């Protein structure tokens, strides 16, 4: 056998070894993906909720706490919908946090119409700066009731039964209720990406909570007991971090037995979405800045989903390039894509996130780059983002 033929045989032999490795790795990462979708995300679309109680005594008094900094317009448009909730006994505590607009006048006028609105004000101090955590702490201290429901000034409840749905989970042993905070549907690709991102994040933390592994909530729609807040010494363990009033706090206090989820459409809150990609990027950077403070094991598990998804795409391409059982690998890949799209589509319908699925696949690809970019930027830029 001449040298050329021998060299060609050696290449074919080596290629077959690499091909086997590629094929096995492809199957392993698809199985990892199936683990996330069948163990966590499937629970979200299969969750059944009990009907709302008919007995008014089943609804304990609630304090809704809202922090507002220069939110004059949002207070005018959205706060009345919070104040007009169909709920037997609740107060709304608004913390006017160093606002320089006419928020104080808006709140005073609303208070004349809604006596259950209570206002507490933090004056600006040039020698002292603070984060949203201080404003929240002030609002929680000012509240009169044991159960707290948190939302933001730019949020509006989807229905007047929002508080009833949240409170339907205030059963024995429950101290934390995770709600869904979505964004208003508007025209444009950016709006669809924002809502898809919000949906996939919600599928993640709701799925983990249903699997008895709660690790975060969103401050746009969140409930917990006042006594739990003070038992944990509030935000003392991460007071120096601008963000984390929702995810880092929930990570500390949520357990498999004290946490419930509520994401029926009537229990949603909707926020004003960012209009520009650059402002959304800054918002996402701030939200993601707390991830480095997660426990090592949790960070590993959370990172495993996007990492395994990335490798499924790469390895599938390699199976086609090196012709590693192309029919079988293509069938597996199509099955994986269909499963992902189906579960996401059902979740989108359940969460009333409409007209998203035609861009869902492309967001799936783009999000891998998007989050890698955010993590890289946050790693090398230590400056904290303000709330």
Protein backbone atom coordinates (compact mmCIF):
# COMPACT_ATOMS: atom_id res chain seq x y z
CA UNK A 1 0.00 0.00 0.00
CA UNK A 2 1.50 3.31 -1.01
CA UNK A 3 1.91 6.17 1.43
CA UNK A 4 -1.02 8.16 0.01
CA UNK A 5 -3.47 5.27 0.50
CA UNK A 6 -2.16 4.56 4.01
CA UNK A 7 -2.53 8.24 4.93
CA UNK A 8 -6.13 8.24 3.62
CA UNK A 9 -6.98 5.12 5.67
CA UNK A 10 -5.57 6.71 8.81
CA UNK A 11 -7.69 9.82 8.26
CA UNK A 12 -10.83 7.70 7.78
CA UNK A 13 -10.06 5.74 10.96
CA UNK A 14 -9.50 8.90 13.01
CA UNK A 15 -12.62 10.47 11.51
CA UNK A 16 -14.72 7.52 12.61
CA UNK A 17 -13.47 7.92 16.20
CA UNK A 18 -14.29 11.62 16.18
CA UNK A 19 -17.63 10.86 14.56
CA UNK A 20 -18.53 8.49 17.40
CA UNK A 21 -17.58 11.13 19.97
CA UNK A 22 -19.69 13.75 18.15
CA UNK A 23 -22.68 11.41 17.96
CA UNK A 24 -22.52 10.40 21.62
CA UNK A 25 -22.02 13.99 22.78
CA UNK A 26 -24.97 15.12 20.66
CA UNK A 27 -27.26 12.56 22.28
CA UNK A 28 -26.01 13.41 25.80
CA UNK A 29 -26.72 17.12 25.40
CA UNK A 30 -30.16 16.43 23.88
CA UNK A 31 -30.93 14.31 26.97
CA UNK A 32 -29.82 17.19 29.21
CA UNK A 33 -32.23 19.44 27.33
CA UNK A 34 -35.04 16.90 27.73
CA UNK A 35 -34.33 16.84 31.45
CA UNK A 36 -34.99 20.57 31.73
CA UNK A 37 -38.09 20.54 29.53
CA UNK A 38 -39.72 17.40 30.92
CA UNK A 39 -38.77 17.82 34.59
CA UNK A 40 -39.12 21.61 35.01
CA UNK A 41 -40.93 23.37 32.15
CA UNK A 42 -43.57 20.71 31.59
CA UNK A 43 -44.72 21.27 35.19
CA UNK A 44 -45.53 24.89 34.36
CA UNK A 45 -47.97 24.07 31.56
CA UNK A 46 -49.53 21.18 33.52
CA UNK A 47 -50.09 23.09 36.78
CA UNK A 48 -53.73 23.18 37.92
CA UNK A 49 -55.02 25.87 40.28
CA UNK A 50 -57.88 25.62 42.76
CA UNK A 51 -60.86 27.97 42.31
CA UNK A 52 -60.88 31.17 44.31
CA UNK A 53 -62.44 30.81 47.78
CA UNK A 54 -66.02 32.10 48.10
CA UNK A 55 -65.62 32.89 51.78
CA UNK A 56 -64.41 36.47 52.30
CA UNK A 57 -62.76 35.40 55.56
CA UNK A 58 -60.30 33.35 53.48
CA UNK A 59 -58.66 36.59 52.32
CA UNK A 60 -56.34 38.06 54.97
CA UNK A 61 -55.51 41.79 55.10
CA UNK A 62 -52.84 42.79 52.59
CA UNK A 63 -50.36 45.64 52.29
CA UNK A 64 -49.35 46.43 48.72
CA UNK A 65 -45.92 48.09 48.73
CA UNK A 66 -44.78 50.20 45.76
CA UNK A 67 -41.56 52.21 45.47
CA UNK A 68 -41.71 55.18 43.12
CA UNK A 69 -38.94 57.51 41.99
CA UNK A 70 -40.00 60.14 39.44
CA UNK A 71 -42.98 58.05 38.37
CA UNK A 72 -45.52 60.86 38.05
CA UNK A 73 -47.13 59.67 34.81
CA UNK A 74 -47.15 56.00 35.81
CA UNK A 75 -48.77 56.84 39.15
CA UNK A 76 -51.54 58.72 37.35
CA UNK A 77 -52.27 55.91 34.89
CA UNK A 78 -51.54 52.74 36.84
CA UNK A 79 -51.92 53.31 40.58
CA UNK A 80 -55.75 53.65 40.45
CA UNK A 81 -55.96 50.09 39.06
CA UNK A 82 -54.10 48.87 42.12
CA UNK A 83 -56.25 50.95 44.46
CA UNK A 84 -59.46 49.67 42.83
CA UNK A 85 -58.78 45.99 43.41
CA UNK A 86 -61.76 43.82 44.35
CA UNK A 87 -60.43 42.77 47.74
CA UNK A 88 -62.08 42.99 51.17
CA UNK A 89 -59.25 44.52 53.23
CA UNK A 90 -56.06 46.04 51.83
CA UNK A 91 -53.91 49.14 51.91
CA UNK A 92 -51.48 50.49 49.34
CA UNK A 93 -48.23 51.93 50.69
CA UNK A 94 -46.35 54.06 48.17
CA UNK A 95 -42.80 55.13 48.99
CA UNK A 96 -42.08 58.40 47.20
CA UNK A 97 -38.34 57.91 46.93
CA UNK A 98 -36.51 61.21 46.34
CA UNK A 99 -38.73 62.18 43.41
CA UNK A 100 -38.02 65.53 41.74
CA UNK A 101 -41.19 65.57 39.63
CA UNK A 102 -44.80 66.10 40.76
CA UNK A 103 -45.21 62.62 42.26
CA UNK A 104 -46.03 64.14 45.66
CA UNK A 105 -48.94 66.16 44.26
CA UNK A 106 -50.26 63.17 42.30
CA UNK A 107 -50.19 60.98 45.41
CA UNK A 108 -51.86 63.63 47.57
CA UNK A 109 -54.70 63.98 45.06
CA UNK A 110 -55.14 60.23 44.81
CA UNK A 111 -55.18 59.91 48.59
CA UNK A 112 -58.23 62.20 48.75
CA UNK A 113 -60.09 59.75 46.52
CA UNK A 114 -58.66 56.53 47.96
CA UNK A 115 -58.34 56.64 51.78
CA UNK A 116 -56.58 53.25 51.83
CA UNK A 117 -53.62 54.83 50.04
CA UNK A 118 -50.79 55.61 52.42
CA UNK A 119 -47.73 57.66 51.48
CA UNK A 120 -44.27 57.74 52.96
CA UNK A 121 -41.58 59.99 51.58
CA UNK A 122 -37.80 59.76 51.48
CA UNK A 123 -36.12 63.14 51.00
CA UNK A 124 -33.02 63.42 48.87
CA UNK A 125 -29.76 63.82 50.78
CA UNK A 126 -26.71 64.96 48.82
CA UNK A 127 -24.40 63.28 51.35
CA UNK A 128 -26.18 59.94 51.27
CA UNK A 129 -27.27 57.76 48.37
CA UNK A 130 -29.32 54.61 48.63
CA UNK A 131 -30.80 51.82 46.55
CA UNK A 132 -34.34 50.54 46.09
CA UNK A 133 -33.76 48.20 49.02
CA UNK A 134 -33.89 51.07 51.50
CA UNK A 135 -37.11 52.37 49.94
CA UNK A 136 -38.64 48.89 50.13
CA UNK A 137 -37.57 48.51 53.75
CA UNK A 138 -39.16 51.86 54.60
CA UNK A 139 -42.39 50.81 52.89
CA UNK A 140 -42.46 47.42 54.59
CA UNK A 141 -41.90 49.02 58.00
CA UNK A 142 -44.73 51.45 57.29
CA UNK A 143 -47.14 48.66 56.29
CA UNK A 144 -49.77 47.54 58.80
CA UNK A 145 -50.47 44.00 57.62
CA UNK A 146 -48.63 40.69 57.81
CA UNK A 147 -49.01 39.78 54.13
CA UNK A 148 -47.11 42.00 51.70
CA UNK A 149 -47.64 42.13 47.94
CA UNK A 150 -44.91 43.94 46.01
CA UNK A 151 -45.13 45.53 42.59
CA UNK A 152 -43.64 48.52 40.75
CA UNK A 153 -45.00 51.96 39.90
CA UNK A 154 -44.90 51.18 36.17
CA UNK A 155 -46.98 48.03 36.61
CA UNK A 156 -50.72 47.55 36.18
CA UNK A 157 -52.71 44.49 37.31
CA UNK A 158 -54.26 42.56 34.44
CA UNK A 159 -57.54 42.30 36.38
CA UNK A 160 -59.24 43.60 39.52
CA UNK A 161 -58.93 40.06 40.95
CA UNK A 162 -55.11 40.24 41.10
CA UNK A 163 -54.95 40.39 44.91
CA UNK A 164 -57.60 37.67 45.32
CA UNK A 165 -55.59 35.29 43.15
CA UNK A 166 -52.36 36.02 45.00
CA UNK A 167 -54.10 35.67 48.37
CA UNK A 168 -55.71 32.35 47.40
CA UNK A 169 -52.23 30.88 47.98
CA UNK A 170 -51.89 32.29 51.51
CA UNK A 171 -52.53 28.90 53.07
CA UNK A 172 -51.01 27.27 56.15
CA UNK A 173 -47.24 26.95 55.91
CA UNK A 174 -46.92 29.24 52.88
CA UNK A 175 -44.80 32.36 53.39
CA UNK A 176 -43.80 33.24 49.80
CA UNK A 177 -45.91 33.48 46.63
CA UNK A 178 -44.22 33.98 43.26
CA UNK A 179 -46.29 35.87 40.67
CA UNK A 180 -45.88 36.62 36.98
CA UNK A 181 -44.76 40.09 35.96
CA UNK A 182 -45.13 40.42 32.20
CA UNK A 183 -44.79 43.34 29.80
CA UNK A 184 -47.41 45.13 27.73
CA UNK A 185 -47.74 43.90 24.16
CA UNK A 186 -46.77 46.54 21.63
CA UNK A 187 -45.67 46.64 18.00
CA UNK A 188 -42.13 45.86 16.98
CA UNK A 189 -39.54 43.11 17.20
CA UNK A 190 -37.96 44.43 20.41
CA UNK A 191 -41.24 44.11 22.27
CA UNK A 192 -41.57 40.49 21.18
CA UNK A 193 -38.02 39.73 22.30
CA UNK A 194 -38.65 41.34 25.70
CA UNK A 195 -41.82 39.32 26.20
CA UNK A 196 -40.21 36.08 25.01
CA UNK A 197 -37.32 36.66 27.38
CA UNK A 198 -39.74 37.31 30.25
CA UNK A 199 -41.74 34.20 29.39
CA UNK A 200 -38.70 31.91 29.28
CA UNK A 201 -37.36 33.30 32.58
CA UNK A 202 -40.77 32.71 34.16
CA UNK A 203 -40.90 29.14 32.85
CA UNK A 204 -37.56 28.64 34.53
CA UNK A 205 -38.24 29.99 38.01
CA UNK A 206 -41.83 28.71 38.13
CA UNK A 207 -40.68 25.27 36.95
CA UNK A 208 -37.95 25.14 39.55
CA UNK A 209 -40.36 26.24 42.28
CA UNK A 210 -42.87 23.55 41.24
CA UNK A 211 -40.01 21.05 41.41
CA UNK A 212 -39.51 22.24 45.01
CA UNK A 213 -36.34 24.15 44.19
CA UNK A 214 -37.40 27.83 44.43
CA UNK A 215 -34.61 30.30 43.84
CA UNK A 216 -36.04 33.63 42.63
CA UNK A 217 -39.07 35.80 42.01
CA UNK A 218 -39.65 39.16 40.33
CA UNK A 219 -40.35 42.34 42.28
CA UNK A 220 -43.06 43.29 39.79
CA UNK A 221 -45.35 40.65 41.30
CA UNK A 222 -44.28 39.03 44.53
CA UNK A 223 -45.78 38.31 47.95
CA UNK A 224 -44.30 37.31 51.28
CA UNK A 225 -44.91 37.70 54.99
CA UNK A 226 -43.69 40.75 56.84
CA UNK A 227 -42.47 38.57 59.70
CA UNK A 228 -40.38 36.53 57.23
CA UNK A 229 -38.75 39.74 55.99
CA UNK A 230 -37.67 40.80 59.48
CA UNK A 231 -36.72 37.28 60.52
CA UNK A 232 -34.25 37.34 57.63
CA UNK A 233 -33.10 40.83 58.73
CA UNK A 234 -34.45 42.22 55.49
CA UNK A 235 -31.82 42.74 52.82
CA UNK A 236 -28.92 42.92 55.30
CA UNK A 237 -26.94 40.10 53.68
CA UNK A 238 -26.73 41.92 50.35
CA UNK A 239 -27.41 45.53 51.30
CA UNK A 240 -24.38 46.75 49.37
CA UNK A 241 -25.66 45.33 46.09
CA UNK A 242 -28.00 47.56 44.07
CA UNK A 243 -30.15 44.70 42.77
CA UNK A 244 -31.30 41.52 44.47
CA UNK A 245 -34.36 42.73 46.37
CA UNK A 246 -36.27 39.93 44.66
CA UNK A 247 -33.98 37.08 43.54
CA UNK A 248 -31.30 37.21 46.27
CA UNK A 249 -33.93 37.73 48.96
CA UNK A 250 -36.12 34.88 47.70
CA UNK A 251 -33.05 32.66 47.48
CA UNK A 252 -32.49 33.24 51.19
CA UNK A 253 -36.05 32.76 52.46
CA UNK A 254 -37.80 30.40 50.01
CA UNK A 255 -37.91 26.70 50.86
CA UNK A 256 -39.52 23.67 49.18
CA UNK A 257 -42.38 23.84 51.71
CA UNK A 258 -43.06 27.55 52.20
CA UNK A 259 -43.32 28.68 48.57
CA UNK A 260 -46.32 28.74 46.21
CA UNK A 261 -46.71 29.97 42.63
CA UNK A 262 -49.54 31.96 41.06
CA UNK A 263 -49.60 32.67 37.35
CA UNK A 264 -53.21 32.56 36.24
CA UNK A 265 -53.81 35.42 33.79
CA UNK A 266 -56.00 37.33 36.27
CA UNK A 267 -53.03 37.41 38.66
CA UNK A 268 -50.53 38.94 36.23
CA UNK A 269 -49.08 42.40 36.39
CA UNK A 270 -47.99 44.15 33.21
CA UNK A 271 -45.10 46.61 33.02
CA UNK A 272 -44.16 49.27 30.51
CA UNK A 273 -41.53 47.70 28.20
CA UNK A 274 -38.35 49.42 27.11
CA UNK A 275 -38.60 51.17 23.75
CA UNK A 276 -34.93 51.01 22.77
CA UNK A 277 -32.52 48.10 22.65
CA UNK A 278 -29.83 50.06 24.55
CA UNK A 279 -32.11 50.80 27.53
CA UNK A 280 -33.30 47.18 27.62
CA UNK A 281 -29.66 46.08 27.57
CA UNK A 282 -28.94 48.26 30.62
CA UNK A 283 -31.99 46.86 32.39
CA UNK A 284 -30.91 43.29 31.66
CA UNK A 285 -27.38 44.02 32.83
CA UNK A 286 -28.76 45.24 36.15
CA UNK A 287 -31.03 42.21 36.53
CA UNK A 288 -28.21 39.82 35.66
CA UNK A 289 -25.65 41.49 37.93
CA UNK A 290 -26.88 39.51 40.94
CA UNK A 291 -26.27 36.12 39.32
CA UNK A 292 -22.63 36.10 40.42
CA UNK A 293 -23.84 36.02 44.03
CA UNK A 294 -25.84 32.81 43.52
CA UNK A 295 -24.62 29.63 45.15
CA UNK A 296 -22.08 27.73 43.07
CA UNK A 297 -24.26 24.65 42.65
CA UNK A 298 -27.24 26.76 41.57
CA UNK A 299 -25.17 28.72 39.07
CA UNK A 300 -23.92 25.45 37.57
CA UNK A 301 -27.42 24.04 37.18
CA UNK A 302 -28.83 27.25 35.74
CA UNK A 303 -25.94 27.55 33.29
CA UNK A 304 -26.37 23.94 32.19
CA UNK A 305 -29.52 24.69 30.17
CA UNK A 306 -28.09 27.36 27.81
CA UNK A 307 -24.74 25.54 27.62
CA UNK A 308 -26.37 22.25 26.65
CA UNK A 309 -28.61 24.09 24.16
CA UNK A 310 -25.56 25.67 22.53
CA UNK A 311 -23.84 22.31 22.19
CA UNK A 312 -26.95 20.70 20.68
CA UNK A 313 -26.86 23.25 17.84
CA UNK A 314 -23.10 22.93 17.34
CA UNK A 315 -23.01 19.14 17.52
CA UNK A 316 -25.98 18.76 15.20
CA UNK A 317 -24.14 20.83 12.61
CA UNK A 318 -21.08 18.62 13.09
CA UNK A 319 -23.12 15.43 12.63
CA UNK A 320 -24.20 16.75 9.24
CA UNK A 321 -20.70 17.87 8.27
CA UNK A 322 -19.13 14.53 9.19
CA UNK A 323 -22.20 12.50 8.13
CA UNK A 324 -22.71 10.88 11.53
CA UNK A 325 -26.01 9.04 11.02
CA UNK A 326 -27.49 12.17 9.41
CA UNK A 327 -31.03 10.79 9.18
CA UNK A 328 -31.10 9.77 12.87
CA UNK A 329 -29.43 12.95 14.09
CA UNK A 330 -31.81 15.10 12.00
CA UNK A 331 -34.81 13.20 13.38
CA UNK A 332 -33.59 13.70 16.96
CA UNK A 333 -32.92 17.39 16.32
CA UNK A 334 -36.38 17.96 14.79
CA UNK A 335 -38.02 16.13 17.71
CA UNK A 336 -36.08 18.35 20.16
CA UNK A 337 -37.06 21.53 18.32
CA UNK A 338 -40.72 20.49 18.13
CA UNK A 339 -40.83 19.60 21.83
CA UNK A 340 -39.28 22.94 22.80
CA UNK A 341 -41.56 24.93 20.52
CA UNK A 342 -44.67 23.04 21.64
CA UNK A 343 -44.03 23.54 25.36
CA UNK A 344 -43.14 27.19 24.80
CA UNK A 345 -46.27 27.73 22.67
CA UNK A 346 -48.53 26.20 25.34
CA UNK A 347 -46.82 28.30 28.01
CA UNK A 348 -47.25 31.45 25.89
CA UNK A 349 -50.98 30.70 25.57
CA UNK A 350 -51.26 29.99 29.30
CA UNK A 351 -49.55 33.29 30.12
CA UNK A 352 -51.52 35.14 27.41
CA UNK A 353 -48.35 36.16 25.59
CA UNK A 354 -49.71 36.44 22.05
CA UNK A 355 -48.05 36.53 18.63
CA UNK A 356 -44.63 35.40 19.76
CA UNK A 357 -44.05 31.97 18.30
CA UNK A 358 -43.07 33.11 14.80
CA UNK A 359 -39.90 34.63 16.32
CA UNK A 360 -39.41 32.12 19.16
CA UNK A 361 -36.88 29.94 17.31
CA UNK A 362 -34.77 32.92 16.30
CA UNK A 363 -34.87 34.32 19.83
CA UNK A 364 -33.73 30.91 21.03
CA UNK A 365 -30.59 31.25 18.91
CA UNK A 366 -30.05 34.95 19.54
CA UNK A 367 -30.49 34.62 23.31
CA UNK A 368 -27.40 32.42 23.53
CA UNK A 369 -25.29 35.25 22.12
CA UNK A 370 -27.25 37.92 24.02
CA UNK A 371 -26.71 36.40 27.47
CA UNK A 372 -23.11 35.47 26.76
CA UNK A 373 -22.52 39.12 25.86
CA UNK A 374 -24.24 40.35 29.04
CA UNK A 375 -22.31 37.98 31.31
CA UNK A 376 -19.02 38.90 29.69
CA UNK A 377 -19.73 42.62 30.00
CA UNK A 378 -20.79 42.30 33.65
CA UNK A 379 -17.69 40.24 34.44
CA UNK A 380 -15.29 42.89 33.17
CA UNK A 381 -17.34 45.95 34.15
CA UNK A 382 -17.71 46.10 37.92
CA UNK A 383 -19.78 49.30 38.05
CA UNK A 384 -23.17 48.56 39.56
CA UNK A 385 -26.33 49.55 37.73
CA UNK A 386 -28.75 51.87 39.56
CA UNK A 387 -32.41 50.97 39.92
